[in-house]
Structure formats: C-alpha cells, structure tokens
C-alpha atoms as a PDB file:
ATOM      1  CA  UNK A   1     113.570  51.664  79.730  1.00  0.00           C
ATOM      2  CA  UNK A   2     112.003  53.127  82.539  1.00  0.00           C
ATOM      3  CA  UNK A   3     114.134  56.291  83.156  1.00  0.00           C
ATOM      4  CA  UNK A   4     111.552  58.453  81.286  1.00  0.00           C
ATOM      5  CA  UNK A   5     108.763  57.549  83.573  1.00  0.00           C
ATOM      6  CA  UNK A   6     111.126  57.695  86.669  1.00  0.00           C
ATOM      7  CA  UNK A   7     112.150  61.329  85.627  1.00  0.00           C
ATOM      8  CA  UNK A   8     108.830  62.618  85.006  1.00  0.00           C
ATOM      9  CA  UNK A   9     107.454  61.723  88.695  1.00  0.00           C
ATOM     10  CA  UNK A  10     110.933  62.676  90.242  1.00  0.00           C
ATOM     11  CA  UNK A  11     112.121  65.812  88.302  1.00  0.00           C
ATOM     12  CA  UNK A  12     109.644  68.321  89.605  1.00  0.00           C
ATOM     13  CA  UNK A  13     110.679  67.096  93.124  1.00  0.00           C
ATOM     14  CA  UNK A  14     114.449  67.261  92.553  1.00  0.00           C
ATOM     15  CA  UNK A  15     114.171  70.662  90.910  1.00  0.00           C
ATOM     16  CA  UNK A  16     112.640  72.071  94.175  1.00  0.00           C
ATOM     17  CA  UNK A  17     115.237  70.602  96.321  1.00  0.00           C
ATOM     18  CA  UNK A  18     118.104  71.460  93.949  1.00  0.00           C
ATOM     19  CA  UNK A  19     116.768  75.129  94.413  1.00  0.00           C
ATOM     20  CA  UNK A  20     116.826  75.182  97.875  1.00  0.00           C
ATOM     21  CA  UNK A  21     120.399  73.075  98.267  1.00  0.00           C
ATOM     22  CA  UNK A  22     121.658  76.007  95.414  1.00  0.00           C
ATOM     23  CA  UNK A  23     120.992  78.740  97.597  1.00  0.00           C
ATOM     24  CA  UNK A  24     123.427  77.469 100.291  1.00  0.00           C
ATOM     25  CA  UNK A  25     126.377  77.334  97.867  1.00  0.00           C
ATOM     26  CA  UNK A  26     126.667  73.902  97.830  1.00  0.00           C
ATOM     27  CA  UNK A  27     127.763  72.865  94.146  1.00  0.00           C
ATOM     28  CA  UNK A  28     126.491  70.405  91.820  1.00  0.00           C
ATOM     29  CA  UNK A  29     129.854  68.744  91.665  1.00  0.00           C
ATOM     30  CA  UNK A  30     129.946  68.218  95.258  1.00  0.00           C
ATOM     31  CA  UNK A  31     127.013  66.389  95.453  1.00  0.00           C
ATOM     32  CA  UNK A  32     128.218  64.174  92.737  1.00  0.00           C
ATOM     33  CA  UNK A  33     131.255  63.179  94.225  1.00  0.00           C
ATOM     34  CA  UNK A  34     129.515  63.139  97.467  1.00  0.00           C
ATOM     35  CA  UNK A  35     127.148  60.588  96.127  1.00  0.00           C
ATOM     36  CA  UNK A  36     129.634  58.280  94.653  1.00  0.00           C
ATOM     37  CA  UNK A  37     131.383  58.227  98.109  1.00  0.00           C
ATOM     38  CA  UNK A  38     128.320  57.374  99.944  1.00  0.00           C
ATOM     39  CA  UNK A  39     128.110  54.616  96.619  1.00  0.00           C
ATOM     40  CA  UNK A  40     131.226  53.122  97.439  1.00  0.00           C
ATOM     41  CA  UNK A  41     130.523  53.126 101.282  1.00  0.00           C
ATOM     42  CA  UNK A  42     127.468  51.080 100.215  1.00  0.00           C
ATOM     43  CA  UNK A  43     129.570  48.195  98.693  1.00  0.00           C
ATOM     44  CA  UNK A  44     131.916  48.248 101.946  1.00  0.00           C
ATOM     45  CA  UNK A  45     128.855  47.524 103.828  1.00  0.00           C
ATOM     46  CA  UNK A  46     127.537  44.824 101.383  1.00  0.00           C
ATOM     47  CA  UNK A  47     131.033  43.759 101.999  1.00  0.00           C
ATOM     48  CA  UNK A  48     130.603  43.130 105.090  1.00  0.00           C
ATOM     49  CA  UNK A  49     127.282  41.838 105.160  1.00  0.00           C
ATOM     50  CA  UNK A  50     125.401  44.831 106.070  1.00  0.00           C
ATOM     51  CA  UNK A  51     122.777  44.647 103.579  1.00  0.00           C
ATOM     52  CA  UNK A  52     120.415  46.793 104.947  1.00  0.00           C
ATOM     53  CA  UNK A  53     122.651  49.643 105.375  1.00  0.00           C
ATOM     54  CA  UNK A  54     123.581  49.231 102.136  1.00  0.00           C
ATOM     55  CA  UNK A  55     120.399  49.803 100.689  1.00  0.00           C
ATOM     56  CA  UNK A  56     119.780  52.906 102.672  1.00  0.00           C
ATOM     57  CA  UNK A  57     123.158  53.987 101.042  1.00  0.00           C
ATOM     58  CA  UNK A  58     122.652  53.180  97.643  1.00  0.00           C
ATOM     59  CA  UNK A  59     119.388  54.984  98.090  1.00  0.00           C
ATOM     60  CA  UNK A  60     120.986  58.199  99.445  1.00  0.00           C
ATOM     61  CA  UNK A  61     123.632  58.019  96.819  1.00  0.00           C
ATOM     62  CA  UNK A  62     121.115  57.604  93.771  1.00  0.00           C
ATOM     63  CA  UNK A  63     118.977  60.298  95.164  1.00  0.00           C
ATOM     64  CA  UNK A  64     122.362  62.489  94.866  1.00  0.00           C
ATOM     65  CA  UNK A  65     123.027  61.480  91.504  1.00  0.00           C
ATOM     66  CA  UNK A  66     119.676  63.191  90.169  1.00  0.00           C
ATOM     67  CA  UNK A  67     119.997  66.212  92.564  1.00  0.00           C
ATOM     68  CA  UNK A  68     123.153  66.861  91.097  1.00  0.00           C
ATOM     69  CA  UNK A  69     122.170  67.446  87.711  1.00  0.00           C
ATOM     70  CA  UNK A  70     118.710  69.749  88.750  1.00  0.00           C
ATOM     71  CA  UNK A  71     121.654  72.011  91.111  1.00  0.00           C
ATOM     72  CA  UNK A  72     123.274  72.043  87.419  1.00  0.00           C
ATOM     73  CA  UNK A  73     120.183  73.277  86.098  1.00  0.00           C
ATOM     74  CA  UNK A  74     120.380  76.359  88.318  1.00  0.00           C
ATOM     75  CA  UNK A  75     123.998  76.870  88.862  1.00  0.00           C
ATOM     76  CA  UNK A  76     124.819  76.019  85.249  1.00  0.00           C
ATOM     77  CA  UNK A  77     126.026  73.122  83.448  1.00  0.00           C
ATOM     78  CA  UNK A  78     129.309  72.551  83.126  1.00  0.00           C
ATOM     79  CA  UNK A  79     131.801  70.120  80.967  1.00  0.00           C
ATOM     80  CA  UNK A  80     133.882  68.901  84.269  1.00  0.00           C
ATOM     81  CA  UNK A  81     130.169  68.221  85.596  1.00  0.00           C
ATOM     82  CA  UNK A  82     128.864  66.142  83.070  1.00  0.00           C
ATOM     83  CA  UNK A  83     132.300  63.947  83.226  1.00  0.00           C
ATOM     84  CA  UNK A  84     132.115  63.442  86.796  1.00  0.00           C
ATOM     85  CA  UNK A  85     128.961  62.588  86.872  1.00  0.00           C
ATOM     86  CA  UNK A  86     128.925  59.658  84.245  1.00  0.00           C
ATOM     87  CA  UNK A  87     132.528  58.371  85.003  1.00  0.00           C
ATOM     88  CA  UNK A  88     131.373  58.595  89.127  1.00  0.00           C
ATOM     89  CA  UNK A  89     128.223  56.513  88.392  1.00  0.00           C
ATOM     90  CA  UNK A  90     130.111  53.845  86.722  1.00  0.00           C
ATOM     91  CA  UNK A  91     132.359  53.801  89.643  1.00  0.00           C
ATOM     92  CA  UNK A  92     129.198  53.476  92.156  1.00  0.00           C
ATOM     93  CA  UNK A  93     127.522  50.844  89.343  1.00  0.00           C
ATOM     94  CA  UNK A  94     130.838  48.571  89.512  1.00  0.00           C
ATOM     95  CA  UNK A  95     131.270  48.707  93.459  1.00  0.00           C
ATOM     96  CA  UNK A  96     127.905  47.200  94.480  1.00  0.00           C
ATOM     97  CA  UNK A  97     128.426  43.893  92.404  1.00  0.00           C
ATOM     98  CA  UNK A  98     132.123  43.734  93.869  1.00  0.00           C
ATOM     99  CA  UNK A  99     130.786  44.423  97.092  1.00  0.00           C
ATOM    100  CA  UNK A 100     128.373  41.107  96.827  1.00  0.00           C
ATOM    101  CA  UNK A 101     131.492  39.244  95.247  1.00  0.00           C
ATOM    102  CA  UNK A 102     133.688  39.901  98.053  1.00  0.00           C
ATOM    103  CA  UNK A 103     130.975  39.158 100.662  1.00  0.00           C
ATOM    104  CA  UNK A 104     130.797  35.665  99.205  1.00  0.00           C
ATOM    105  CA  UNK A 105     133.121  34.856  96.276  1.00  0.00           C
ATOM    106  CA  UNK A 106     132.173  31.213  95.987  1.00  0.00           C
ATOM    107  CA  UNK A 107     128.500  32.024  95.563  1.00  0.00           C
ATOM    108  CA  UNK A 108     128.581  35.089  93.795  1.00  0.00           C
ATOM    109  CA  UNK A 109     131.893  35.353  92.324  1.00  0.00           C
ATOM    110  CA  UNK A 110     130.847  34.219  88.514  1.00  0.00           C
ATOM    111  CA  UNK A 111     127.708  35.686  88.579  1.00  0.00           C
ATOM    112  CA  UNK A 112     129.241  39.480  89.748  1.00  0.00           C
ATOM    113  CA  UNK A 113     131.754  38.912  87.039  1.00  0.00           C
ATOM    114  CA  UNK A 114     129.403  38.101  84.471  1.00  0.00           C
ATOM    115  CA  UNK A 115     127.686  41.106  85.551  1.00  0.00           C
ATOM    116  CA  UNK A 116     130.969  43.433  85.419  1.00  0.00           C
ATOM    117  CA  UNK A 117     131.528  41.946  81.978  1.00  0.00           C
ATOM    118  CA  UNK A 118     128.110  43.327  81.038  1.00  0.00           C
ATOM    119  CA  UNK A 119     128.206  46.785  82.511  1.00  0.00           C
ATOM    120  CA  UNK A 120     131.834  46.505  80.873  1.00  0.00           C
ATOM    121  CA  UNK A 121     130.312  46.338  77.158  1.00  0.00           C
ATOM    122  CA  UNK A 122     127.307  48.278  77.813  1.00  0.00           C
ATOM    123  CA  UNK A 123     129.380  51.236  79.160  1.00  0.00           C
ATOM    124  CA  UNK A 124     131.612  51.406  76.384  1.00  0.00           C
ATOM    125  CA  UNK A 125     128.683  50.857  73.988  1.00  0.00           C
ATOM    126  CA  UNK A 126     126.962  53.875  75.571  1.00  0.00           C
ATOM    127  CA  UNK A 127     130.053  56.318  75.706  1.00  0.00           C
ATOM    128  CA  UNK A 128     131.475  55.340  72.051  1.00  0.00           C
ATOM    129  CA  UNK A 129     127.737  56.303  70.893  1.00  0.00           C
ATOM    130  CA  UNK A 130     127.962  59.432  72.869  1.00  0.00           C
ATOM    131  CA  UNK A 131     130.997  60.552  71.108  1.00  0.00           C
ATOM    132  CA  UNK A 132     129.847  59.663  67.634  1.00  0.00           C
ATOM    133  CA  UNK A 133     126.721  61.358  67.977  1.00  0.00           C
ATOM    134  CA  UNK A 134     128.628  64.615  69.278  1.00  0.00           C
ATOM    135  CA  UNK A 135     130.762  64.318  65.989  1.00  0.00           C
ATOM    136  CA  UNK A 136     127.718  64.165  63.737  1.00  0.00           C
ATOM    137  CA  UNK A 137     126.364  66.908  66.124  1.00  0.00           C
ATOM    138  CA  UNK A 138     123.216  64.766  66.981  1.00  0.00           C
ATOM    139  CA  UNK A 139     121.111  65.686  69.920  1.00  0.00           C
ATOM    140  CA  UNK A 140     118.350  64.091  71.699  1.00  0.00           C
ATOM    141  CA  UNK A 141     116.109  65.230  74.736  1.00  0.00           C
ATOM    142  CA  UNK A 142     114.687  61.523  75.554  1.00  0.00           C
ATOM    143  CA  UNK A 143     116.444  61.386  78.779  1.00  0.00           C
ATOM    144  CA  UNK A 144     116.284  65.387  79.351  1.00  0.00           C
ATOM    145  CA  UNK A 145     118.967  67.669  78.811  1.00  0.00           C
ATOM    146  CA  UNK A 146     122.485  66.082  79.518  1.00  0.00           C
ATOM    147  CA  UNK A 147     125.914  66.992  78.755  1.00  0.00           C
ATOM    148  CA  UNK A 148     126.466  63.768  76.809  1.00  0.00           C
ATOM    149  CA  UNK A 149     124.136  62.066  73.837  1.00  0.00           C
ATOM    150  CA  UNK A 150     122.203  59.477  75.756  1.00  0.00           C
ATOM    151  CA  UNK A 151     120.613  56.339  74.108  1.00  0.00           C
ATOM    152  CA  UNK A 152     117.595  54.556  75.952  1.00  0.00           C
ATOM    153  CA  UNK A 153     117.766  51.092  76.331  1.00  0.00           C
ATOM    154  CA  UNK A 154     116.199  47.811  78.507  1.00  0.00           C
ATOM    155  CA  UNK A 155     118.299  48.030  81.120  1.00  0.00           C
ATOM    156  CA  UNK A 156     119.077  51.856  82.432  1.00  0.00           C
ATOM    157  CA  UNK A 157     119.713  53.782  85.415  1.00  0.00           C
ATOM    158  CA  UNK A 158     116.192  52.888  87.220  1.00  0.00           C
ATOM    159  CA  UNK A 159     116.384  49.375  86.459  1.00  0.00           C
ATOM    160  CA  UNK A 160     119.857  49.166  87.780  1.00  0.00           C
ATOM    161  CA  UNK A 161     119.063  50.985  90.713  1.00  0.00           C
ATOM    162  CA  UNK A 162     115.637  48.478  91.582  1.00  0.00           C
ATOM    163  CA  UNK A 163     118.205  45.288  90.760  1.00  0.00           C
ATOM    164  CA  UNK A 164     120.813  46.924  93.501  1.00  0.00           C
ATOM    165  CA  UNK A 165     117.824  47.297  95.902  1.00  0.00           C
ATOM    166  CA  UNK A 166     116.859  43.454  95.540  1.00  0.00           C
ATOM    167  CA  UNK A 167     120.179  42.422  95.811  1.00  0.00           C
ATOM    168  CA  UNK A 168     120.302  43.638  99.095  1.00  0.00           C
ATOM    169  CA  UNK A 169     116.562  42.751  99.942  1.00  0.00           C
ATOM    170  CA  UNK A 170     117.682  39.190  98.800  1.00  0.00           C
ATOM    171  CA  UNK A 171     121.348  38.614  98.860  1.00  0.00           C
ATOM    172  CA  UNK A 172     121.093  35.052  98.755  1.00  0.00           C
ATOM    173  CA  UNK A 173     119.380  35.343  95.184  1.00  0.00           C
ATOM    174  CA  UNK A 174     122.147  37.328  94.209  1.00  0.00           C
ATOM    175  CA  UNK A 175     123.845  34.887  91.624  1.00  0.00           C
ATOM    176  CA  UNK A 176     120.260  34.332  89.705  1.00  0.00           C
ATOM    177  CA  UNK A 177     119.737  37.986  89.721  1.00  0.00           C
ATOM    178  CA  UNK A 178     123.099  39.110  88.561  1.00  0.00           C
ATOM    179  CA  UNK A 179     122.893  36.559  85.647  1.00  0.00           C
ATOM    180  CA  UNK A 180     119.230  37.906  84.530  1.00  0.00           C
ATOM    181  CA  UNK A 181     120.102  41.247  84.896  1.00  0.00           C
ATOM    182  CA  UNK A 182     123.635  40.496  82.934  1.00  0.00           C
ATOM    183  CA  UNK A 183     121.818  39.348  80.054  1.00  0.00           C
ATOM    184  CA  UNK A 184     119.319  42.162  79.641  1.00  0.00           C
ATOM    185  CA  UNK A 185     122.416  44.477  79.594  1.00  0.00           C
ATOM    186  CA  UNK A 186     123.852  42.776  76.839  1.00  0.00           C
ATOM    187  CA  UNK A 187     120.661  42.742  75.106  1.00  0.00           C
ATOM    188  CA  UNK A 188     120.872  46.680  75.614  1.00  0.00           C
ATOM    189  CA  UNK A 189     124.565  47.283  74.350  1.00  0.00           C
ATOM    190  CA  UNK A 190     123.691  44.818  71.037  1.00  0.00           C
ATOM    191  CA  UNK A 191     120.665  46.591  70.320  1.00  0.00           C
ATOM    192  CA  UNK A 192     122.727  50.176  70.761  1.00  0.00           C
ATOM    193  CA  UNK A 193     125.554  48.706  68.659  1.00  0.00           C
ATOM    194  CA  UNK A 194     122.680  47.663  65.771  1.00  0.00           C
ATOM    195  CA  UNK A 195     121.495  51.217  66.363  1.00  0.00           C
ATOM    196  CA  UNK A 196     125.132  52.711  65.729  1.00  0.00           C
ATOM    197  CA  UNK A 197     125.449  50.490  62.723  1.00  0.00           C
ATOM    198  CA  UNK A 198     121.973  51.962  61.097  1.00  0.00           C
ATOM    199  CA  UNK A 199     123.171  55.691  62.358  1.00  0.00           C
ATOM    200  CA  UNK A 200     126.718  55.834  61.281  1.00  0.00           C
ATOM    201  CA  UNK A 201     126.920  53.959  58.443  1.00  0.00           C
END
C-alpha cells in the first residue's frame, strides 16, 4: 500500500547512490546477495535476543534491496538479477519471524507460524499472478520497472519492513503484532486471488 509513496521519496537518493556504486564495479547481484546475508544475520541476532542489532541489520539489508534495483538500472537489468531479487527477498521475509520464534518458541511460536503461513500464501498468489500476467503479456508500472509483474496490495514491502522494525522495538508485542500482520497479509493474498479471478477468467 505504501510502496508507491516510499519509492517516490527514496528513488532519487537510491539512484544517486547507485551511480556511484556502479562506477566501483560492484554488481547489482552482489548487492542483492549481500543484502540477503545481512537479513539472515539480523534473524540470527534476533534469535539471540539482540533486537537493536537485528533492527540495524534489517535496515541495512533492506537498503541494499532497494539499491540493487537502482544499480541494475545503470548496468542493465537481467533475468537472473530479477530472479535473485525476489527469491532472496522471500528468504529475508521468512528469516525474521523465524528468528523471533527461535528466541521464544513458547510465546512466539504460534503467532510466528501464522505469519509465515500468511507469507507463504501471499507469496504464492504474487508469483502465480506474475506468471499468468507474463503469459498474457500484461504490463504495469505501478511499482516502477520490474522484472516481474507487481500487483499492489495492503501488505507490501514497506509495511513488512515497518512491522519488522516494530517487532525489534517492542519484542514482547511480537505475538499480537504478528497476528495482526498475518491477517493483513492474508487479506492482501485474498484480494489478489479475487483480482486474478476477474482478470484471467
């Protein structure tokens, strides 16, 4: 829901940074992989109870996730880059809730499982829609130029990152926040399924 608003404010800064980084020879794929590693490191920190470190690592990881696309605009987009970007995003999005579950299975296990279940369904609805949209040669620029067809929704990357920050700032609230965001994520998946039903019938 907020990705378009966030992109409008971050893209000029990311583009300027990407131009400098690209001149050093660092590739978009290298940034994508590095961002994923930092995201996994954040999950490990969270599992150990180092929530502030986890928050910082999440922030740097997601900055890298935005920067890789900006570098790709400079160097040229590739199918491999688009593939790595979406797959490794899902790795990070799954790792952070898992970190909280590992930290306190008794308190966080059920809510964390529900959130991962919602992410699973939402990811499937997103990727399946992208495949069918590609088959029908549909295009969209709702979230800028992308390697895949991006459908918008209530729970997108900006909301997910904000919730991850809230998890780290208020770890005792993880269960209630996770349940709420799981519901919003499932609503997003359901709305995408309804959209697919209308579009592909």
